[in-house]
Amino acid sequence: MICWKCKREINIDKPARSDECPLCSADLHVCAACDFFEKGMHNDCRESSAEYIADKEKANFCDYFRVSKKSAGNASSSASAAAKNAFNALFGD
């Protein structure tokens, strides 16, 4: 997965509540790294049954947590996609 904070690839597939990024020490089982996290939604979460969590960057016990699809891929494919999107924005499809 890709750490939500430092954006570097780490060798953890599904983080437990106590897991931290070995590179930047950020908690990994956090709202900011979850597929359901979306700023602007009620409680910043698309999962309507999830309990409110005030600090989206601290480890929590949410049972609905799943690694964000943005974090599941590798960093190079994300960079490639961003470059392609920037190119298409300049010159069209």
PDB file of N, CA and C in Angstrom:
ATOM      1  N   MET A   1       0.833  -1.179   0.000  1.00  0.00           N
ATOM      2  CA  MET A   1       0.000   0.000   0.000  1.00  0.00           C
ATOM      3  C   MET A   1       0.873   1.234   0.000  1.00  0.00           C
ATOM      4  N   ILE A   2       0.272   2.368  -0.274  1.00  0.00           N
ATOM      5  CA  ILE A   2       0.958   3.654  -0.244  1.00  0.00           C
ATOM      6  C   ILE A   2       0.539   4.364   1.043  1.00  0.00           C
ATOM      7  N   CYS A   3       1.521   4.845   1.792  1.00  0.00           N
ATOM      8  CA  CYS A   3       1.212   5.576   3.025  1.00  0.00           C
ATOM      9  C   CYS A   3       0.437   6.844   2.668  1.00  0.00           C
ATOM     10  N   TRP A   4      -0.648   7.094   3.377  1.00  0.00           N
ATOM     11  CA  TRP A   4      -1.489   8.253   3.104  1.00  0.00           C
ATOM     12  C   TRP A   4      -0.752   9.554   3.402  1.00  0.00           C
ATOM     13  N   LYS A   5       0.247   9.509   4.290  1.00  0.00           N
ATOM     14  CA  LYS A   5       0.921  10.735   4.708  1.00  0.00           C
ATOM     15  C   LYS A   5       2.179  11.030   3.893  1.00  0.00           C
ATOM     16  N   CYS A   6       3.116  10.081   3.827  1.00  0.00           N
ATOM     17  CA  CYS A   6       4.378  10.337   3.118  1.00  0.00           C
ATOM     18  C   CYS A   6       4.317   9.938   1.647  1.00  0.00           C
ATOM     19  N   LYS A   7       3.232   9.242   1.246  1.00  0.00           N
ATOM     20  CA  LYS A   7       2.999   8.841  -0.149  1.00  0.00           C
ATOM     21  C   LYS A   7       4.043   7.861  -0.686  1.00  0.00           C
ATOM     22  N   ARG A   8       4.732   7.147   0.206  1.00  0.00           N
ATOM     23  CA  ARG A   8       5.708   6.153  -0.239  1.00  0.00           C
ATOM     24  C   ARG A   8       5.124   4.757  -0.083  1.00  0.00           C
ATOM     25  N   GLU A   9       5.586   3.853  -0.927  1.00  0.00           N
ATOM     26  CA  GLU A   9       5.094   2.481  -0.891  1.00  0.00           C
ATOM     27  C   GLU A   9       5.651   1.754   0.329  1.00  0.00           C
ATOM     28  N   ILE A  10       4.770   1.028   1.021  1.00  0.00           N
ATOM     29  CA  ILE A  10       5.172   0.230   2.179  1.00  0.00           C
ATOM     30  C   ILE A  10       4.642  -1.188   1.995  1.00  0.00           C
ATOM     31  N   ASN A  11       5.238  -2.133   2.703  1.00  0.00           N
ATOM     32  CA  ASN A  11       4.906  -3.544   2.525  1.00  0.00           C
ATOM     33  C   ASN A  11       3.871  -4.007   3.549  1.00  0.00           C
ATOM     34  N   ILE A  12       2.694  -3.393   3.528  1.00  0.00           N
ATOM     35  CA  ILE A  12       1.577  -3.773   4.397  1.00  0.00           C
ATOM     36  C   ILE A  12       0.330  -3.783   3.527  1.00  0.00           C
ATOM     37  N   ASP A  13      -0.405  -4.902   3.544  1.00  0.00           N
ATOM     38  CA  ASP A  13      -1.605  -4.992   2.714  1.00  0.00           C
ATOM     39  C   ASP A  13      -2.841  -4.461   3.422  1.00  0.00           C
ATOM     40  N   LYS A  14      -3.074  -4.938   4.646  1.00  0.00           N
ATOM     41  CA  LYS A  14      -4.240  -4.516   5.418  1.00  0.00           C
ATOM     42  C   LYS A  14      -3.779  -4.162   6.825  1.00  0.00           C
ATOM     43  N   PRO A  15      -3.661  -2.878   7.113  1.00  0.00           N
ATOM     44  CA  PRO A  15      -3.128  -2.479   8.411  1.00  0.00           C
ATOM     45  C   PRO A  15      -4.080  -2.761   9.572  1.00  0.00           C
ATOM     46  N   ALA A  16      -3.484  -3.187  10.686  1.00  0.00           N
ATOM     47  CA  ALA A  16      -4.218  -3.325  11.952  1.00  0.00           C
ATOM     48  C   ALA A  16      -4.225  -1.961  12.626  1.00  0.00           C
ATOM     49  N   ARG A  17      -5.023  -1.812  13.670  1.00  0.00           N
ATOM     50  CA  ARG A  17      -5.140  -0.526  14.340  1.00  0.00           C
ATOM     51  C   ARG A  17      -3.801   0.018  14.809  1.00  0.00           C
ATOM     52  N   SER A  18      -2.900  -0.833  15.250  1.00  0.00           N
ATOM     53  CA  SER A  18      -1.631  -0.374  15.818  1.00  0.00           C
ATOM     54  C   SER A  18      -0.501  -0.219  14.794  1.00  0.00           C
ATOM     55  N   ASP A  19      -0.759  -0.523  13.524  1.00  0.00           N
ATOM     56  CA  ASP A  19       0.301  -0.429  12.517  1.00  0.00           C
ATOM     57  C   ASP A  19       0.642   1.019  12.195  1.00  0.00           C
ATOM     58  N   GLU A  20       1.945   1.241  12.014  1.00  0.00           N
ATOM     59  CA  GLU A  20       2.455   2.555  11.624  1.00  0.00           C
ATOM     60  C   GLU A  20       3.298   2.420  10.374  1.00  0.00           C
ATOM     61  N   CYS A  21       3.423   3.496   9.633  1.00  0.00           N
ATOM     62  CA  CYS A  21       4.304   3.520   8.474  1.00  0.00           C
ATOM     63  C   CYS A  21       5.740   3.415   8.979  1.00  0.00           C
ATOM     64  N   PRO A  22       6.517   2.465   8.452  1.00  0.00           N
ATOM     65  CA  PRO A  22       7.898   2.327   8.899  1.00  0.00           C
ATOM     66  C   PRO A  22       8.790   3.483   8.432  1.00  0.00           C
ATOM     67  N   LEU A  23       8.301   4.298   7.514  1.00  0.00           N
ATOM     68  CA  LEU A  23       9.105   5.389   6.972  1.00  0.00           C
ATOM     69  C   LEU A  23       8.831   6.731   7.643  1.00  0.00           C
ATOM     70  N   CYS A  24       7.563   7.011   7.971  1.00  0.00           N
ATOM     71  CA  CYS A  24       7.232   8.319   8.567  1.00  0.00           C
ATOM     72  C   CYS A  24       6.521   8.202   9.913  1.00  0.00           C
ATOM     73  N   SER A  25       6.240   6.983  10.366  1.00  0.00           N
ATOM     74  CA  SER A  25       5.602   6.700  11.661  1.00  0.00           C
ATOM     75  C   SER A  25       4.145   7.150  11.752  1.00  0.00           C
ATOM     76  N   ALA A  26       3.506   7.411  10.628  1.00  0.00           N
ATOM     77  CA  ALA A  26       2.089   7.780  10.643  1.00  0.00           C
ATOM     78  C   ALA A  26       1.246   6.547  10.938  1.00  0.00           C
ATOM     79  N   ASP A  27       0.159   6.718  11.691  1.00  0.00           N
ATOM     80  CA  ASP A  27      -0.803   5.637  11.886  1.00  0.00           C
ATOM     81  C   ASP A  27      -1.374   5.269  10.523  1.00  0.00           C
ATOM     82  N   LEU A  28      -1.654   3.982  10.302  1.00  0.00           N
ATOM     83  CA  LEU A  28      -2.152   3.539   8.996  1.00  0.00           C
ATOM     84  C   LEU A  28      -3.638   3.199   8.983  1.00  0.00           C
ATOM     85  N   HIS A  29      -4.184   2.769  10.126  1.00  0.00           N
ATOM     86  CA  HIS A  29      -5.618   2.433  10.199  1.00  0.00           C
ATOM     87  C   HIS A  29      -6.362   3.715  10.579  1.00  0.00           C
ATOM     88  N   VAL A  30      -6.425   4.645   9.621  1.00  0.00           N
ATOM     89  CA  VAL A  30      -7.008   5.971   9.848  1.00  0.00           C
ATOM     90  C   VAL A  30      -8.017   6.292   8.753  1.00  0.00           C
ATOM     91  N   CYS A  31      -8.901   7.205   9.044  1.00  0.00           N
ATOM     92  CA  CYS A  31      -9.899   7.615   8.052  1.00  0.00           C
ATOM     93  C   CYS A  31      -9.237   8.128   6.775  1.00  0.00           C
ATOM     94  N   ALA A  32      -8.156   8.885   6.913  1.00  0.00           N
ATOM     95  CA  ALA A  32      -7.493   9.473   5.755  1.00  0.00           C
ATOM     96  C   ALA A  32      -6.966   8.419   4.789  1.00  0.00           C
ATOM     97  N   ALA A  33      -6.789   7.179   5.238  1.00  0.00           N
ATOM     98  CA  ALA A  33      -6.286   6.092   4.387  1.00  0.00           C
ATOM     99  C   ALA A  33      -7.387   5.129   3.971  1.00  0.00           C
ATOM    100  N   CYS A  34      -8.620   5.455   4.272  1.00  0.00           N
ATOM    101  CA  CYS A  34      -9.743   4.552   4.033  1.00  0.00           C
ATOM    102  C   CYS A  34     -10.443   4.860   2.707  1.00  0.00           C
ATOM    103  N   ASP A  35     -10.912   3.824   2.058  1.00  0.00           N
ATOM    104  CA  ASP A  35     -11.640   3.959   0.804  1.00  0.00           C
ATOM    105  C   ASP A  35     -12.943   4.742   0.978  1.00  0.00           C
ATOM    106  N   PHE A  36     -13.535   4.713   2.160  1.00  0.00           N
ATOM    107  CA  PHE A  36     -14.792   5.415   2.407  1.00  0.00           C
ATOM    108  C   PHE A  36     -14.600   6.897   2.734  1.00  0.00           C
ATOM    109  N   PHE A  37     -13.370   7.318   3.006  1.00  0.00           N
ATOM    110  CA  PHE A  37     -13.106   8.705   3.389  1.00  0.00           C
ATOM    111  C   PHE A  37     -13.360   9.644   2.216  1.00  0.00           C
ATOM    112  N   GLU A  38     -14.192  10.655   2.456  1.00  0.00           N
ATOM    113  CA  GLU A  38     -14.463  11.666   1.438  1.00  0.00           C
ATOM    114  C   GLU A  38     -14.852  12.961   2.117  1.00  0.00           C
ATOM    115  N   LYS A  39     -13.968  13.946   2.015  1.00  0.00           N
ATOM    116  CA  LYS A  39     -14.254  15.248   2.615  1.00  0.00           C
ATOM    117  C   LYS A  39     -15.539  15.813   2.032  1.00  0.00           C
ATOM    118  N   GLY A  40     -16.335  16.406   2.888  1.00  0.00           N
ATOM    119  CA  GLY A  40     -17.584  17.003   2.447  1.00  0.00           C
ATOM    120  C   GLY A  40     -18.800  16.121   2.666  1.00  0.00           C
ATOM    121  N   MET A  41     -18.593  14.811   2.762  1.00  0.00           N
ATOM    122  CA  MET A  41     -19.700  13.900   3.069  1.00  0.00           C
ATOM    123  C   MET A  41     -20.022  14.023   4.559  1.00  0.00           C
ATOM    124  N   HIS A  42     -21.182  13.544   4.967  1.00  0.00           N
ATOM    125  CA  HIS A  42     -21.541  13.529   6.380  1.00  0.00           C
ATOM    126  C   HIS A  42     -20.458  12.766   7.146  1.00  0.00           C
ATOM    127  N   ASN A  43     -19.858  13.379   8.136  1.00  0.00           N
ATOM    128  CA  ASN A  43     -18.747  12.813   8.922  1.00  0.00           C
ATOM    129  C   ASN A  43     -17.523  12.508   8.057  1.00  0.00           C
ATOM    130  N   ASP A  44     -17.450  13.092   6.871  1.00  0.00           N
ATOM    131  CA  ASP A  44     -16.358  12.846   5.910  1.00  0.00           C
ATOM    132  C   ASP A  44     -16.224  11.368   5.547  1.00  0.00           C
ATOM    133  N   CYS A  45     -17.364  10.657   5.546  1.00  0.00           N
ATOM    134  CA  CYS A  45     -17.345   9.216   5.302  1.00  0.00           C
ATOM    135  C   CYS A  45     -18.546   8.812   4.443  1.00  0.00           C
ATOM    136  N   ARG A  46     -18.275   7.998   3.402  1.00  0.00           N
ATOM    137  CA  ARG A  46     -19.361   7.512   2.551  1.00  0.00           C
ATOM    138  C   ARG A  46     -20.093   6.334   3.166  1.00  0.00           C
ATOM    139  N   GLU A  47     -19.553   5.716   4.217  1.00  0.00           N
ATOM    140  CA  GLU A  47     -20.219   4.593   4.898  1.00  0.00           C
ATOM    141  C   GLU A  47     -21.176   5.176   5.935  1.00  0.00           C
ATOM    142  N   SER A  48     -22.457   5.100   5.668  1.00  0.00           N
ATOM    143  CA  SER A  48     -23.452   5.746   6.530  1.00  0.00           C
ATOM    144  C   SER A  48     -23.587   5.103   7.907  1.00  0.00           C
ATOM    145  N   SER A  49     -23.154   3.868   8.070  1.00  0.00           N
ATOM    146  CA  SER A  49     -23.272   3.191   9.366  1.00  0.00           C
ATOM    147  C   SER A  49     -22.054   3.381  10.261  1.00  0.00           C
ATOM    148  N   ALA A  50     -20.999   3.983   9.745  1.00  0.00           N
ATOM    149  CA  ALA A  50     -19.770   4.169  10.531  1.00  0.00           C
ATOM    150  C   ALA A  50     -19.993   5.211  11.620  1.00  0.00           C
ATOM    151  N   GLU A  51     -19.352   4.979  12.768  1.00  0.00           N
ATOM    152  CA  GLU A  51     -19.427   5.936  13.865  1.00  0.00           C
ATOM    153  C   GLU A  51     -18.584   7.161  13.532  1.00  0.00           C
ATOM    154  N   TYR A  52     -18.934   8.314  14.131  1.00  0.00           N
ATOM    155  CA  TYR A  52     -18.182   9.537  13.923  1.00  0.00           C
ATOM    156  C   TYR A  52     -16.794   9.404  14.552  1.00  0.00           C
ATOM    157  N   ILE A  53     -15.786   9.804  13.817  1.00  0.00           N
ATOM    158  CA  ILE A  53     -14.412   9.827  14.313  1.00  0.00           C
ATOM    159  C   ILE A  53     -13.888  11.242  14.103  1.00  0.00           C
ATOM    160  N   ALA A  54     -13.529  11.894  15.198  1.00  0.00           N
ATOM    161  CA  ALA A  54     -13.131  13.297  15.135  1.00  0.00           C
ATOM    162  C   ALA A  54     -11.800  13.507  14.426  1.00  0.00           C
ATOM    163  N   ASP A  55     -10.785  12.753  14.797  1.00  0.00           N
ATOM    164  CA  ASP A  55      -9.456  12.941  14.211  1.00  0.00           C
ATOM    165  C   ASP A  55      -9.242  11.928  13.093  1.00  0.00           C
ATOM    166  N   LYS A  56      -9.310  12.381  11.883  1.00  0.00           N
ATOM    167  CA  LYS A  56      -9.237  11.511  10.700  1.00  0.00           C
ATOM    168  C   LYS A  56      -7.823  10.996  10.427  1.00  0.00           C
ATOM    169  N   GLU A  57      -6.829  11.485  11.187  1.00  0.00           N
ATOM    170  CA  GLU A  57      -5.442  11.081  10.969  1.00  0.00           C
ATOM    171  C   GLU A  57      -4.860  10.290  12.140  1.00  0.00           C
ATOM    172  N   LYS A  58      -5.686   9.863  13.069  1.00  0.00           N
ATOM    173  CA  LYS A  58      -5.260   9.039  14.205  1.00  0.00           C
ATOM    174  C   LYS A  58      -5.873   7.656  14.087  1.00  0.00           C
ATOM    175  N   ALA A  59      -5.148   6.651  14.578  1.00  0.00           N
ATOM    176  CA  ALA A  59      -5.634   5.268  14.528  1.00  0.00           C
ATOM    177  C   ALA A  59      -6.996   5.162  15.202  1.00  0.00           C
ATOM    178  N   ASN A  60      -7.862   4.306  14.634  1.00  0.00           N
ATOM    179  CA  ASN A  60      -9.203   4.131  15.188  1.00  0.00           C
ATOM    180  C   ASN A  60      -9.625   2.668  15.073  1.00  0.00           C
ATOM    181  N   PHE A  61     -10.791   2.365  15.629  1.00  0.00           N
ATOM    182  CA  PHE A  61     -11.298   0.995  15.651  1.00  0.00           C
ATOM    183  C   PHE A  61     -12.418   0.760  14.638  1.00  0.00           C
ATOM    184  N   CYS A  62     -12.544   1.590  13.633  1.00  0.00           N
ATOM    185  CA  CYS A  62     -13.642   1.473  12.683  1.00  0.00           C
ATOM    186  C   CYS A  62     -13.643   0.100  12.005  1.00  0.00           C
ATOM    187  N   ASP A  63     -14.786  -0.584  12.096  1.00  0.00           N
ATOM    188  CA  ASP A  63     -14.930  -1.906  11.480  1.00  0.00           C
ATOM    189  C   ASP A  63     -15.108  -1.831   9.964  1.00  0.00           C
ATOM    190  N   TYR A  64     -15.432  -0.648   9.447  1.00  0.00           N
ATOM    191  CA  TYR A  64     -15.664  -0.492   8.006  1.00  0.00           C
ATOM    192  C   TYR A  64     -14.396  -0.139   7.239  1.00  0.00           C
ATOM    193  N   PHE A  65     -13.282   0.060   7.944  1.00  0.00           N
ATOM    194  CA  PHE A  65     -12.038   0.470   7.291  1.00  0.00           C
ATOM    195  C   PHE A  65     -11.621  -0.513   6.211  1.00  0.00           C
ATOM    196  N   ARG A  66     -11.280   0.034   5.053  1.00  0.00           N
ATOM    197  CA  ARG A  66     -10.619  -0.746   4.008  1.00  0.00           C
ATOM    198  C   ARG A  66      -9.642   0.199   3.308  1.00  0.00           C
ATOM    199  N   VAL A  67      -8.510  -0.355   2.939  1.00  0.00           N
ATOM    200  CA  VAL A  67      -7.438   0.451   2.354  1.00  0.00           C
ATOM    201  C   VAL A  67      -7.957   1.180   1.121  1.00  0.00           C
ATOM    202  N   SER A  68      -7.677   2.450   1.059  1.00  0.00           N
ATOM    203  CA  SER A  68      -8.106   3.267  -0.066  1.00  0.00           C
ATOM    204  C   SER A  68      -7.549   2.719  -1.368  1.00  0.00           C
ATOM    205  N   LYS A  69      -8.354   2.745  -2.399  1.00  0.00           N
ATOM    206  CA  LYS A  69      -7.892   2.308  -3.710  1.00  0.00           C
ATOM    207  C   LYS A  69      -6.755   3.201  -4.185  1.00  0.00           C
ATOM    208  N   LYS A  70      -6.736   4.444  -3.729  1.00  0.00           N
ATOM    209  CA  LYS A  70      -5.637   5.341  -4.066  1.00  0.00           C
ATOM    210  C   LYS A  70      -4.347   4.858  -3.412  1.00  0.00           C
ATOM    211  N   SER A  71      -4.477   4.171  -2.269  1.00  0.00           N
ATOM    212  CA  SER A  71      -3.306   3.660  -1.555  1.00  0.00           C
ATOM    213  C   SER A  71      -2.944   2.253  -1.981  1.00  0.00           C
ATOM    214  N   ALA A  72      -3.843   1.556  -2.636  1.00  0.00           N
ATOM    215  CA  ALA A  72      -3.611   0.143  -2.938  1.00  0.00           C
ATOM    216  C   ALA A  72      -2.698  -0.066  -4.140  1.00  0.00           C
ATOM    217  N   GLY A  73      -2.694   0.859  -5.076  1.00  0.00           N
ATOM    218  CA  GLY A  73      -1.852   0.713  -6.253  1.00  0.00           C
ATOM    219  C   GLY A  73      -0.418   1.062  -5.932  1.00  0.00           C
ATOM    220  N   ASN A  74       0.406   1.183  -6.974  1.00  0.00           N
ATOM    221  CA  ASN A  74       1.770   1.598  -6.686  1.00  0.00           C
ATOM    222  C   ASN A  74       1.973   3.047  -7.067  1.00  0.00           C
ATOM    223  N   ALA A  75       2.991   3.671  -6.498  1.00  0.00           N
ATOM    224  CA  ALA A  75       3.216   5.103  -6.654  1.00  0.00           C
ATOM    225  C   ALA A  75       3.515   5.481  -8.091  1.00  0.00           C
ATOM    226  N   SER A  76       4.232   4.639  -8.806  1.00  0.00           N
ATOM    227  CA  SER A  76       4.592   4.988 -10.171  1.00  0.00           C
ATOM    228  C   SER A  76       3.377   5.036 -11.085  1.00  0.00           C
ATOM    229  N   SER A  77       2.401   4.150 -10.895  1.00  0.00           N
ATOM    230  CA  SER A  77       1.212   4.199 -11.740  1.00  0.00           C
ATOM    231  C   SER A  77       0.390   5.439 -11.431  1.00  0.00           C
ATOM    232  N   SER A  78       0.383   5.904 -10.170  1.00  0.00           N
ATOM    233  CA  SER A  78      -0.313   7.133  -9.814  1.00  0.00           C
ATOM    234  C   SER A  78       0.358   8.329 -10.470  1.00  0.00           C
ATOM    235  N   ALA A  79       1.693   8.345 -10.467  1.00  0.00           N
ATOM    236  CA  ALA A  79       2.430   9.437 -11.087  1.00  0.00           C
ATOM    237  C   ALA A  79       2.203   9.432 -12.594  1.00  0.00           C
ATOM    238  N   SER A  80       2.173   8.262 -13.193  1.00  0.00           N
ATOM    239  CA  SER A  80       1.928   8.160 -14.630  1.00  0.00           C
ATOM    240  C   SER A  80       0.548   8.678 -14.989  1.00  0.00           C
ATOM    241  N   ALA A  81      -0.431   8.301 -14.192  1.00  0.00           N
ATOM    242  CA  ALA A  81      -1.800   8.764 -14.437  1.00  0.00           C
ATOM    243  C   ALA A  81      -1.895  10.279 -14.304  1.00  0.00           C
ATOM    244  N   ALA A  82      -1.223  10.840 -13.298  1.00  0.00           N
ATOM    245  CA  ALA A  82      -1.245  12.289 -13.108  1.00  0.00           C
ATOM    246  C   ALA A  82      -0.592  13.000 -14.282  1.00  0.00           C
ATOM    247  N   ALA A  83       0.528  12.467 -14.765  1.00  0.00           N
ATOM    248  CA  ALA A  83       1.209  13.072 -15.910  1.00  0.00           C
ATOM    249  C   ALA A  83       0.336  13.012 -17.161  1.00  0.00           C
ATOM    250  N   LYS A  84      -0.300  11.867 -17.374  1.00  0.00           N
ATOM    251  CA  LYS A  84      -1.175  11.710 -18.537  1.00  0.00           C
ATOM    252  C   LYS A  84      -2.352  12.678 -18.467  1.00  0.00           C
ATOM    253  N   ASN A  85      -2.941  12.821 -17.276  1.00  0.00           N
ATOM    254  CA  ASN A  85      -4.060  13.752 -17.113  1.00  0.00           C
ATOM    255  C   ASN A  85      -3.637  15.185 -17.370  1.00  0.00           C
ATOM    256  N   ALA A  86      -2.431  15.552 -16.900  1.00  0.00           N
ATOM    257  CA  ALA A  86      -1.933  16.907 -17.121  1.00  0.00           C
ATOM    258  C   ALA A  86      -1.704  17.156 -18.613  1.00  0.00           C
ATOM    259  N   PHE A  87      -1.139  16.176 -19.302  1.00  0.00           N
ATOM    260  CA  PHE A  87      -0.918  16.276 -20.746  1.00  0.00           C
ATOM    261  C   PHE A  87      -2.243  16.449 -21.476  1.00  0.00           C
ATOM    262  N   ASN A  88      -3.232  15.605 -21.129  1.00  0.00           N
ATOM    263  CA  ASN A  88      -4.537  15.686 -21.792  1.00  0.00           C
ATOM    264  C   ASN A  88      -5.230  17.009 -21.506  1.00  0.00           C
ATOM    265  N   ALA A  89      -5.017  17.568 -20.321  1.00  0.00           N
ATOM    266  CA  ALA A  89      -5.611  18.857 -19.997  1.00  0.00           C
ATOM    267  C   ALA A  89      -5.034  19.964 -20.870  1.00  0.00           C
ATOM    268  N   LEU A  90      -3.744  19.843 -21.206  1.00  0.00           N
ATOM    269  CA  LEU A  90      -3.101  20.848 -22.052  1.00  0.00           C
ATOM    270  C   LEU A  90      -3.457  20.707 -23.536  1.00  0.00           C
ATOM    271  N   PHE A  91      -3.455  19.466 -24.017  1.00  0.00           N
ATOM    272  CA  PHE A  91      -3.582  19.236 -25.456  1.00  0.00           C
ATOM    273  C   PHE A  91      -4.846  18.497 -25.873  1.00  0.00           C
ATOM    274  N   GLY A  92      -5.702  18.207 -24.921  1.00  0.00           N
ATOM    275  CA  GLY A  92      -6.930  17.493 -25.246  1.00  0.00           C
ATOM    276  C   GLY A  92      -6.700  16.011 -25.420  1.00  0.00           C
ATOM    277  N   ASP A  93      -7.780  15.251 -25.494  1.00  0.00           N
ATOM    278  CA  ASP A  93      -7.680  13.788 -25.624  1.00  0.00           C
ATOM    279  C   ASP A  93      -7.166  13.468 -26.947  1.00  0.00           C
TER     280      ASP A  93
END
